[in-house]
Protein backbone atom coordinates (compact mmCIF):
# COMPACT_ATOMS: atom_id res chain seq x y z
CA MET A 1 168.75 125.90 40.56
CA ALA A 2 170.04 128.04 43.45
CA LYS A 3 166.62 128.19 45.02
CA ARG A 4 166.20 124.41 44.78
CA LYS A 5 169.49 123.80 46.52
CA LYS A 6 168.51 126.16 49.28
CA SER A 7 165.26 124.25 50.05
CA GLU A 8 167.12 120.99 50.16
CA SER A 9 169.57 122.35 52.69
CA GLU A 10 166.84 123.52 55.13
CA PRO A 11 166.27 121.15 58.15
CA GLU A 12 163.02 119.23 58.32
CA ALA A 13 160.39 120.41 60.90
CA THR A 14 160.16 118.17 63.94
CA SER A 15 157.53 117.98 66.72
CA PRO A 16 158.52 119.46 70.09
CA ALA A 17 159.74 117.03 72.75
CA PRO A 18 157.18 116.14 75.42
CA GLU A 19 157.54 117.88 78.73
CA PRO A 20 158.51 115.79 81.76
CA GLY A 21 155.49 114.23 83.51
CA SER A 22 153.14 114.72 80.57
CA PRO A 23 151.35 111.65 79.15
CA GLU A 24 152.68 110.03 76.08
CA PRO A 25 150.80 110.48 72.84
CA GLY A 26 147.96 108.05 72.39
CA THR A 27 147.38 107.64 76.14
CA THR A 28 145.01 109.33 78.59
CA GLY A 29 145.78 110.97 81.86
CA ASN A 30 143.62 108.51 83.76
CA SER A 31 145.55 105.46 82.63
CA GLY A 32 147.00 105.01 86.08
CA THR A 33 143.68 105.28 87.91
CA GLY A 34 142.14 101.92 89.00
CA THR A 35 138.40 101.18 88.96
CA SER A 36 138.37 98.40 91.53
CA GLY A 37 137.72 100.82 94.43
CA SER A 38 134.35 101.88 93.07
CA THR A 39 133.16 98.38 92.14
CA GLY A 40 131.86 97.50 95.61
CA THR A 41 129.75 100.65 96.08
CA THR A 42 128.42 100.68 92.53
CA GLY A 43 127.44 97.01 92.86
CA GLY A 44 125.44 97.67 96.03
CA ASN A 45 123.71 100.71 94.52
CA SER A 46 122.90 98.70 91.40
CA ASN A 47 121.15 96.00 93.47
CA ARG A 48 119.11 98.58 95.36
CA ARG A 49 118.09 100.30 92.15
CA ARG A 50 117.11 96.94 90.65
CA LYS A 51 114.88 96.11 93.65
CA LYS A 52 113.25 99.53 93.59
CA LYS A 53 112.46 99.12 89.92
CA GLN A 54 110.99 95.66 90.54
CA VAL A 55 108.86 97.04 93.40
CA ALA A 56 107.64 99.80 91.12
CA ARG A 57 106.77 97.23 88.46
CA VAL A 58 104.76 95.06 90.89
CA GLN A 59 102.98 98.03 92.44
CA HIS A 60 102.21 99.48 89.03
CA ALA A 61 100.70 96.20 87.87
CA GLU A 62 98.61 95.68 91.06
CA GLU A 63 97.18 99.17 91.12
CA GLY A 64 96.03 98.73 87.54
CA GLY A 65 97.34 102.04 86.28
CA ALA A 66 96.14 103.16 82.90
CA LYS A 67 94.68 100.84 80.33
CA GLY A 68 97.35 98.52 79.03
CA ALA A 69 99.75 99.37 81.83
CA GLU A 70 100.65 95.72 82.30
CA ASP A 71 102.11 95.68 78.80
CA GLN A 72 104.20 98.77 79.49
CA PRO A 73 107.34 97.92 81.46
CA VAL A 74 108.69 100.43 83.92
CA GLU A 75 111.36 102.57 82.34
CA GLY A 76 114.82 101.22 83.04
CA ALA A 77 113.52 98.01 84.66
CA GLU A 78 115.89 95.11 84.27
CA GLU A 79 114.89 91.67 83.14
CA GLU A 80 116.33 90.00 86.25
CA GLU A 81 113.65 88.42 88.45
CA LEU A 82 113.48 88.75 92.24
CA THR A 83 113.87 85.73 94.46
CA PRO A 84 110.68 84.18 95.96
CA GLU A 85 111.58 85.57 99.40
CA GLU A 86 112.03 89.07 98.01
CA LYS A 87 108.69 88.81 96.20
CA ARG A 88 106.92 87.76 99.43
CA LYS A 89 108.41 90.70 101.31
CA ILE A 90 107.31 93.10 98.59
CA GLU A 91 103.78 91.64 98.52
CA ARG A 92 103.44 91.97 102.31
CA LYS A 93 104.65 95.55 102.17
CA LEU A 94 102.23 96.46 99.38
CA LYS A 95 99.36 94.79 101.23
CA LYS A 96 100.03 96.89 104.34
CA GLU A 97 100.21 100.04 102.27
CA ARG A 98 96.88 99.27 100.57
CA LYS A 99 95.21 98.74 103.95
CA LYS A 100 96.53 102.05 105.22
CA VAL A 101 95.18 103.82 102.15
CA GLU A 102 91.77 102.15 102.52
CA LYS A 103 91.53 103.16 106.20
CA ARG A 104 92.55 106.72 105.39
CA LEU A 105 89.90 106.98 102.67
CA LEU A 106 87.23 105.64 105.02
CA ARG A 107 88.17 108.15 107.71
CA GLU A 108 88.12 111.01 105.22
CA ALA A 109 84.67 109.89 104.06
CA GLY A 110 83.43 109.76 107.65
CA LEU A 111 82.79 106.02 107.51
CA PRO A 112 83.63 103.62 110.34
CA VAL A 113 86.89 101.73 109.96
CA PRO A 114 86.25 97.98 110.33
CA LYS A 115 88.11 96.43 113.24
CA LYS A 116 90.19 93.33 112.87
CA GLU A 117 88.10 90.29 113.71
CA ILE A 118 89.59 88.16 116.47
CA PRO A 119 88.36 84.56 116.47
CA GLU A 120 86.65 83.59 119.70
CA ARG A 121 88.60 81.18 121.81
CA PRO A 122 86.70 78.19 123.21
CA LEU A 123 85.79 78.57 126.86
CA ALA A 124 87.50 76.37 129.44
CA LEU A 125 84.06 74.98 130.29
CA ASP A 126 83.46 73.78 126.73
CA LEU A 127 86.92 72.28 126.44
CA ALA A 128 86.58 70.43 129.75
CA LEU A 129 83.17 68.98 128.88
CA GLN A 130 84.41 67.94 125.44
CA TYR A 131 87.36 66.25 127.13
CA LEU A 132 85.01 64.33 129.46
CA SER A 133 82.60 63.41 126.67
CA ARG A 134 85.44 62.09 124.50
CA TRP A 135 86.63 59.95 127.41
CA ALA A 136 83.15 58.46 127.80
CA THR A 137 82.27 57.91 124.15
CA LYS A 138 85.50 57.81 122.11
CA ARG A 139 88.10 56.35 124.44
CA GLU A 140 90.44 55.47 121.55
CA GLU A 141 90.67 59.16 120.60
CA TRP A 142 90.92 60.44 124.16
CA ARG A 143 94.18 61.78 125.57
CA PHE A 144 94.82 62.70 129.19
CA GLN A 145 95.00 66.46 129.87
CA LYS A 146 95.76 67.56 133.39
CA THR A 147 94.35 71.06 132.83
CA ARG A 148 90.93 69.70 131.83
CA GLN A 149 90.87 67.25 134.72
CA THR A 150 91.73 69.98 137.23
CA TRP A 151 88.91 72.17 135.93
CA LEU A 152 86.40 69.32 136.25
CA LEU A 153 87.45 68.50 139.82
CA GLN A 154 87.22 72.15 140.87
CA ASN A 155 83.78 72.76 139.31
CA MET A 156 82.04 69.37 139.50
CA TYR A 157 79.72 70.53 142.33
CA ASP A 158 78.38 73.43 140.24
CA CYS A 159 75.29 72.33 138.30
CA ASP A 160 75.51 75.31 135.95
CA LYS A 161 79.03 74.40 134.85
CA VAL A 162 78.72 70.62 134.97
CA PRO A 163 75.14 69.54 134.12
CA ASP A 164 73.78 66.26 135.51
CA LYS A 165 74.39 64.28 132.31
CA TYR A 166 78.07 65.17 132.43
CA PHE A 167 78.27 64.58 136.17
CA ASP A 168 77.24 60.95 135.67
CA GLN A 169 80.16 60.56 133.26
CA LEU A 170 82.43 62.32 135.72
CA LEU A 171 81.59 59.84 138.48
CA GLU A 172 82.88 57.02 136.29
CA TYR A 173 85.92 59.10 135.39
CA LEU A 174 86.75 59.53 139.09
CA ASP A 175 87.40 55.78 139.39
CA GLY A 176 90.65 56.32 137.56
CA LEU A 177 91.94 58.99 139.93
CA LYS A 178 95.14 58.12 141.73
CA GLY A 179 97.49 59.62 144.27
CA ASN A 180 97.05 63.18 145.46
CA ALA A 181 94.19 63.96 143.05
CA ARG A 182 92.07 61.16 144.54
CA GLN A 183 92.93 62.15 148.11
CA VAL A 184 92.10 65.84 147.60
CA THR A 185 88.79 64.95 145.91
CA VAL A 186 87.73 62.84 148.90
CA GLN A 187 88.72 65.54 151.39
CA LYS A 188 86.73 68.18 149.53
CA ALA A 189 83.64 65.98 149.39
CA GLU A 190 83.88 65.29 153.14
CA ALA A 191 84.23 69.01 153.87
CA LEU A 192 81.03 69.73 151.95
CA MET A 193 79.16 67.07 153.91
CA LYS A 194 80.31 68.60 157.21
CA GLU A 195 79.30 72.07 156.06
CA SER A 196 75.76 70.93 155.29
CA GLY A 197 75.51 69.27 158.71
CA THR A 198 76.39 72.48 160.56
CA THR A 199 74.03 74.69 158.55
CA GLU A 200 70.55 75.02 160.00
CA GLU A 201 68.81 75.98 156.79
CA PRO A 202 71.01 75.02 153.85
CA GLY A 203 70.11 76.63 150.55
CA GLU A 204 69.28 74.80 147.36
CA ASP A 205 72.80 75.26 146.05
CA LEU A 206 74.35 73.68 149.14
CA VAL A 207 71.86 70.83 149.08
CA THR A 208 72.82 70.04 145.48
CA LYS A 209 76.52 70.16 146.32
CA CYS A 210 76.01 67.80 149.28
CA ARG A 211 74.09 65.35 147.12
CA ARG A 212 76.93 65.27 144.60
CA ALA A 213 79.55 65.05 147.37
CA ARG A 214 77.77 61.99 148.76
CA GLN A 215 77.85 60.37 145.31
CA VAL A 216 81.55 61.13 144.96
CA LEU A 217 82.35 59.55 148.33
CA GLN A 218 80.38 56.45 147.42
CA GLN A 219 82.20 56.21 144.08
CA LEU A 220 85.67 56.56 145.64
CA SER A 221 85.09 54.49 148.81
């Protein structure tokens, strides 16, 4: 009985008091640390990683990879789709990279690298004659173009540039000349006539020019 009374009189064991500044039980030391500061940077990095994974997926699918590669998604790739503009940028980038690889392989094999084909631009002569022919045959589709008219007036005495069949059309076209263009055309024709009169033995080229100049003066008189 004495022993039992002694155990009842002993004080119960209590946990030590927490030291000042230490976290309370059940809480963590980082409870006061906010996460908003890292949200902006992690969001930007996440977008870049997503785009890189999508680029890897597209490139992997286009190159073919191993058999069945199209059915094997890139590890960690997200299900979010790129916008149409982002897809176009990626496709253009991949196309340029493929061309670089093809050229490098051709050079390593000692084969000529094909040059980029540049479409031939129509000559001013062809455009001017088409302009005149459209005026003569398809007036409803014809539209005035000062550049084409200037070329015709500057080269109408050259048989190689303006053949006879086009010169006949040009004579009719000259009826519509007005203002300074008509005046300059007459002055040039008169100058050619004077030149032929002062030349003792005019060549065939000058004779042809004088014949056309005479026709122009008759048309515009």
